[in-house]
Protein backbone atom coordinates (compact mmCIF):
# COMPACT_ATOMS: atom_id res chain seq x y z
CA UNK A 1 144.75 134.18 181.62
CA UNK A 2 143.62 134.41 185.21
CA UNK A 3 145.61 133.26 188.22
CA UNK A 4 143.08 130.87 189.75
CA UNK A 5 144.99 128.29 191.75
CA UNK A 6 144.14 124.67 192.43
CA UNK A 7 145.20 122.64 195.44
CA UNK A 8 147.03 119.38 194.81
CA UNK A 9 145.90 116.32 196.75
CA UNK A 10 148.98 115.25 198.71
CA UNK A 11 147.94 111.60 199.08
CA UNK A 12 150.91 109.67 197.67
CA UNK A 13 151.82 112.42 195.21
CA UNK A 14 154.79 111.22 193.19
CA UNK A 15 157.28 112.66 190.71
CA UNK A 16 159.37 110.48 188.42
CA UNK A 17 162.00 111.44 185.88
CA UNK A 18 160.28 109.94 182.84
CA UNK A 19 156.58 110.02 183.73
CA UNK A 20 156.39 113.30 185.64
CA UNK A 21 153.85 114.25 188.29
CA UNK A 22 151.25 111.68 189.26
CA UNK A 23 148.67 114.49 189.35
CA UNK A 24 149.61 115.66 185.85
CA UNK A 25 151.39 118.85 184.73
CA UNK A 26 148.43 121.19 185.32
CA UNK A 27 149.58 121.71 188.92
CA UNK A 28 152.92 122.96 187.59
CA UNK A 29 151.11 125.31 185.20
CA UNK A 30 149.27 126.97 188.07
CA UNK A 31 152.21 126.89 190.48
CA UNK A 32 154.68 128.59 188.15
CA UNK A 33 152.24 131.38 187.34
CA UNK A 34 151.49 131.87 191.03
CA UNK A 35 155.21 132.05 191.86
CA UNK A 36 155.85 134.55 189.07
CA UNK A 37 152.99 136.81 190.21
CA UNK A 38 154.21 136.63 193.80
CA UNK A 39 157.68 137.83 192.82
CA UNK A 40 156.45 140.60 190.52
CA UNK A 41 154.33 141.90 193.39
CA UNK A 42 157.43 142.09 195.59
CA UNK A 43 159.48 143.79 192.89
CA UNK A 44 156.95 146.62 192.70
CA UNK A 45 157.86 147.53 196.30
CA UNK A 46 161.63 147.80 195.77
CA UNK A 47 163.51 151.09 196.09
CA UNK A 48 166.36 152.13 193.75
CA UNK A 49 168.91 151.01 196.35
CA UNK A 50 167.15 147.65 196.68
CA UNK A 51 167.73 146.94 192.99
CA UNK A 52 171.49 147.33 193.42
CA UNK A 53 171.66 145.29 196.64
CA UNK A 54 173.84 142.15 196.69
CA UNK A 55 172.40 138.63 196.66
CA UNK A 56 173.66 135.15 197.42
CA UNK A 57 174.72 135.00 193.76
CA UNK A 58 177.88 136.86 194.59
CA UNK A 59 178.42 138.43 191.16
CA UNK A 60 174.79 139.42 190.74
CA UNK A 61 172.76 142.23 192.27
CA UNK A 62 169.01 141.96 192.77
CA UNK A 63 168.52 143.55 189.35
CA UNK A 64 170.79 141.02 187.67
CA UNK A 65 169.04 138.08 189.35
CA UNK A 66 165.67 139.39 188.14
CA UNK A 67 167.05 139.90 184.63
CA UNK A 68 168.23 136.28 184.77
CA UNK A 69 164.73 135.15 185.73
CA UNK A 70 163.34 137.03 182.73
CA UNK A 71 165.93 135.29 180.53
CA UNK A 72 164.96 131.87 181.91
CA UNK A 73 161.26 132.58 181.32
CA UNK A 74 161.98 133.72 177.74
CA UNK A 75 164.09 130.64 177.10
CA UNK A 76 161.34 128.47 178.58
CA UNK A 77 158.81 129.99 176.17
CA UNK A 78 161.17 129.48 173.21
CA UNK A 79 161.68 125.87 174.22
CA UNK A 80 157.97 125.17 174.77
CA UNK A 81 157.15 126.60 171.34
CA UNK A 82 160.05 124.86 169.56
CA UNK A 83 161.78 128.17 168.81
CA UNK A 84 164.84 127.81 171.06
CA UNK A 85 167.13 126.96 168.13
CA UNK A 86 166.07 130.10 166.30
CA UNK A 87 165.98 132.51 169.24
CA UNK A 88 168.52 134.94 170.65
CA UNK A 89 169.72 132.13 172.93
CA UNK A 90 170.97 129.98 170.05
CA UNK A 91 174.02 132.10 169.31
CA UNK A 92 175.66 131.04 172.58
CA UNK A 93 175.66 127.37 171.62
CA UNK A 94 174.65 124.50 173.92
CA UNK A 95 173.53 125.56 177.39
CA UNK A 96 176.35 125.50 179.94
CA UNK A 97 175.13 126.14 183.51
CA UNK A 98 178.55 127.53 184.43
CA UNK A 99 178.65 130.30 181.84
CA UNK A 100 175.54 130.63 179.68
CA UNK A 101 173.34 132.57 182.17
CA UNK A 102 175.97 135.28 182.39
CA UNK A 103 176.16 135.52 178.59
CA UNK A 104 172.39 135.90 178.37
CA UNK A 105 172.57 138.96 180.63
CA UNK A 106 174.53 140.82 177.96
CA UNK A 107 171.31 141.36 176.01
CA UNK A 108 169.68 143.32 178.85
CA UNK A 109 172.73 145.34 179.91
CA UNK A 110 171.72 148.93 180.59
CA UNK A 111 168.08 148.02 181.16
CA UNK A 112 166.33 149.99 183.91
CA UNK A 113 164.49 148.18 186.72
CA UNK A 114 161.21 149.49 185.30
CA UNK A 115 162.01 148.01 181.90
CA UNK A 116 162.95 144.70 183.53
CA UNK A 117 159.64 144.52 185.40
CA UNK A 118 157.74 145.32 182.19
CA UNK A 119 159.62 142.54 180.39
CA UNK A 120 158.89 140.17 183.27
CA UNK A 121 155.17 140.94 183.13
CA UNK A 122 155.06 140.29 179.38
CA UNK A 123 156.99 137.05 179.43
CA UNK A 124 155.10 135.80 182.48
CA UNK A 125 151.89 135.84 180.46
CA UNK A 126 153.58 134.33 177.39
CA UNK A 127 155.01 131.56 179.55
CA UNK A 128 151.62 130.82 181.13
CA UNK A 129 149.95 130.60 177.72
CA UNK A 130 152.76 128.56 176.13
CA UNK A 131 152.92 126.05 178.98
CA UNK A 132 149.14 125.70 178.93
CA UNK A 133 149.19 125.02 175.19
CA UNK A 134 152.00 122.46 175.59
CA UNK A 135 150.02 120.67 178.29
CA UNK A 136 146.98 120.53 176.00
CA UNK A 137 149.18 119.09 173.26
CA UNK A 138 150.20 116.23 175.54
CA UNK A 139 152.81 113.65 174.70
CA UNK A 140 155.60 111.93 176.59
CA UNK A 141 158.65 113.54 174.99
CA UNK A 142 161.87 112.86 176.89
CA UNK A 143 164.53 115.56 177.02
CA UNK A 144 168.02 115.91 178.43
CA UNK A 145 167.86 117.74 181.75
CA UNK A 146 170.33 120.28 183.11
CA UNK A 147 171.61 117.44 185.31
CA UNK A 148 172.28 115.26 182.27
CA UNK A 149 169.37 112.87 182.88
CA UNK A 150 166.49 111.91 180.60
CA UNK A 151 163.37 113.68 181.88
CA UNK A 152 159.81 114.04 180.70
CA UNK A 153 159.40 117.47 179.08
CA UNK A 154 157.21 118.72 181.97
CA UNK A 155 159.85 117.70 184.53
CA UNK A 156 162.24 119.99 182.68
CA UNK A 157 159.64 122.75 183.12
CA UNK A 158 159.59 121.94 186.85
CA UNK A 159 163.25 122.94 186.84
CA UNK A 160 162.10 126.45 185.87
CA UNK A 161 159.83 126.61 188.94
CA UNK A 162 162.69 125.38 191.11
CA UNK A 163 165.00 128.04 189.65
CA UNK A 164 162.40 130.74 190.34
CA UNK A 165 161.94 129.63 193.96
CA UNK A 166 165.68 129.35 194.59
CA UNK A 167 166.49 132.77 193.16
CA UNK A 168 163.66 134.41 195.09
CA UNK A 169 165.37 133.07 198.21
CA UNK A 170 168.72 134.36 196.92
CA UNK A 171 167.14 137.84 197.10
CA UNK A 172 165.21 137.24 200.34
CA UNK A 173 167.07 139.81 202.45
CA UNK A 174 166.07 142.56 200.03
CA UNK A 175 162.62 141.26 199.11
CA UNK A 176 161.69 140.93 202.81
CA UNK A 177 159.31 138.07 202.06
CA UNK A 178 157.18 137.34 205.12
CA UNK A 179 154.79 134.70 203.81
CA UNK A 180 155.94 131.33 202.46
CA UNK A 181 154.89 130.26 198.98
CA UNK A 182 151.60 128.45 198.49
CA UNK A 183 151.64 124.89 199.87
CA UNK A 184 151.32 123.43 196.37
CA UNK A 185 154.34 125.44 195.19
CA UNK A 186 156.27 124.18 198.23
CA UNK A 187 155.18 120.61 197.50
CA UNK A 188 156.35 120.71 193.88
CA UNK A 189 159.62 122.40 194.81
CA UNK A 190 160.29 119.71 197.40
CA UNK A 191 159.58 116.87 195.00
CA UNK A 192 161.77 118.37 192.28
CA UNK A 193 164.64 119.31 194.63
CA UNK A 194 164.86 115.73 195.87
CA UNK A 195 164.45 114.36 192.33
CA UNK A 196 167.30 116.36 190.83
CA UNK A 197 169.52 115.56 193.83
CA UNK A 198 168.71 111.88 193.42
CA UNK A 199 169.31 112.08 189.68
CA UNK A 200 172.75 113.61 190.10
CA UNK A 201 173.59 110.99 192.75
CA UNK A 202 172.58 108.29 190.26
CA UNK A 203 174.92 109.75 187.64
CA UNK A 204 177.77 109.16 190.07
CA UNK A 205 176.67 105.58 190.72
CA UNK A 206 174.83 106.29 193.98
CA UNK A 207 171.31 105.00 193.29
CA UNK A 208 169.35 106.46 196.21
CA UNK A 209 166.64 104.92 198.36
CA UNK A 210 166.00 107.06 201.40
CA UNK A 211 163.21 108.91 203.18
CA UNK A 212 163.36 112.45 204.54
CA UNK A 213 161.31 113.90 207.35
CA UNK A 214 161.31 117.57 206.31
CA UNK A 215 160.07 119.56 209.27
CA UNK A 216 157.74 122.37 208.19
CA UNK A 217 157.08 120.88 204.75
CA UNK A 218 153.56 120.34 203.38
CA UNK A 219 153.70 116.53 203.59
CA UNK A 220 156.23 115.75 206.29
CA UNK A 221 157.95 112.69 204.84
CA UNK A 222 159.26 112.24 201.29
CA UNK A 223 160.80 109.08 199.89
CA UNK A 224 163.44 108.95 197.16
CA UNK A 225 163.69 105.65 195.32
CA UNK A 226 165.01 104.17 192.09
CA UNK A 227 163.65 101.52 189.74
CA UNK A 228 165.56 100.33 186.68
CA UNK A 229 167.71 103.44 186.76
CA UNK A 230 164.81 105.90 187.00
CA UNK A 231 164.62 108.09 190.10
CA UNK A 232 161.30 108.96 191.71
CA UNK A 233 160.14 110.91 194.77
CA UNK A 234 156.90 110.34 196.69
CA UNK A 235 155.14 112.35 199.39
CA UNK A 236 154.35 109.55 201.84
CA UNK A 237 152.92 111.47 204.80
CA UNK A 238 154.18 112.41 208.25
CA UNK A 239 153.18 109.07 209.81
CA UNK A 240 155.79 107.19 207.77
CA UNK A 241 159.22 106.41 209.24
CA UNK A 242 162.17 108.40 207.92
CA UNK A 243 165.90 107.82 207.65
CA UNK A 244 166.93 111.48 207.68
CA UNK A 245 165.46 114.52 209.43
CA UNK A 246 165.93 118.23 208.91
CA UNK A 247 164.16 121.58 208.48
CA UNK A 248 162.36 121.74 205.14
CA UNK A 249 163.92 124.89 203.65
CA UNK A 250 167.39 124.25 205.09
CA UNK A 251 167.55 120.79 203.49
CA UNK A 252 166.39 122.03 200.08
CA UNK A 253 168.79 124.97 200.15
CA UNK A 254 171.69 122.76 201.18
CA UNK A 255 170.93 120.31 198.36
CA UNK A 256 171.00 123.29 195.98
CA UNK A 257 174.39 124.51 197.16
CA UNK A 258 173.30 127.19 199.61
CA UNK A 259 174.22 127.24 203.29
CA UNK A 260 175.69 124.43 205.41
CA UNK A 261 176.34 120.96 204.03
CA UNK A 262 173.57 118.38 203.98
CA UNK A 263 175.48 116.29 206.53
CA UNK A 264 175.46 119.26 208.92
CA UNK A 265 171.74 119.87 208.39
CA UNK A 266 170.59 116.27 208.95
CA UNK A 267 173.29 115.36 211.48
CA UNK A 268 174.31 112.24 209.55
CA UNK A 269 177.29 111.54 207.33
CA UNK A 270 177.04 108.39 205.20
CA UNK A 271 177.15 107.26 201.57
CA UNK A 272 173.53 108.25 200.93
CA UNK A 273 174.00 111.77 202.27
CA UNK A 274 177.23 112.10 200.31
CA UNK A 275 175.45 111.01 197.12
CA UNK A 276 172.62 113.48 197.60
CA UNK A 277 175.21 116.20 198.23
CA UNK A 278 176.65 115.86 194.72
CA UNK A 279 174.17 118.45 193.44
CA UNK A 280 175.34 120.83 196.16
CA UNK A 281 178.93 120.40 195.01
CA UNK A 282 178.09 121.37 191.45
CA UNK A 283 175.75 124.21 192.41
CA UNK A 284 177.96 125.79 195.07
CA UNK A 285 180.35 128.50 193.78
CA UNK A 286 183.76 126.94 193.21
CA UNK A 287 185.63 130.23 193.59
CA UNK A 288 184.86 133.56 195.27
CA UNK A 289 182.89 135.68 192.83
CA UNK A 290 181.46 132.78 190.84
CA UNK A 291 177.73 132.48 190.35
CA UNK A 292 176.05 129.38 191.77
CA UNK A 293 175.40 128.06 188.26
CA UNK A 294 177.74 125.12 187.83
CA UNK A 295 177.69 122.16 185.49
CA UNK A 296 175.63 119.43 187.15
CA UNK A 297 177.11 116.51 185.25
CA UNK A 298 178.17 115.40 181.83
CA UNK A 299 175.35 113.55 180.12
């Protein structure tokens, strides 16, 4: 498969929990492959000391974070091809964000960085092919998300892109990434970050309806809303009014449990901000030495 990328039209692009992207899942297919290739290119430049460098995942080195990304990609392939219940991941039982990723790493203990990169290259192609085949298959299957919400199957795959972007940033000091991801990758990450934050807020009874002006983002203003219990996010354009303002990457990282609180970033503390911060509370390490993988909510 080649890596030809397509640009997504930003005019009123929307993402909803049960119907997915308004432009269809093909944009995700291209974006995830582009993000994987970008990271693999950076990994080829790392020195031996870079691989052992610490990351924002305080128990994980760069090598362990990359091994985790390989695990996630392999699990994604198994899930897309209906093999997850018969794969190596099945023996650990139901997925628990607080502990399962660490258990997965046991299978690659002792692996060299070179072996990890080779595994990443293989699974990257398998993932691209499997996601493409699943898109061709179509269907509107709903699945339980990591956050305990019902999501369209392709929205669950968007979580994989979000995980890849977030962990690349966890390693940013070592990777020395100068260029931001492609605008379409940024757009999808923004939509999903706000969607999962809104979904977790809804689980706690805080049904969100708010707009963000995210400075430096591809579309400027994004609106989170809810209809009959289903959360959606729309890119509404920089000319639209916004309730909250903050730097694009700082807001998304804060929502994900990295850096200052969302209230600090946007300069506002109210019920809406508190609700959207629920994801941060479950993603942020609860104790020194914990990984940022925490249970989002009980479904």
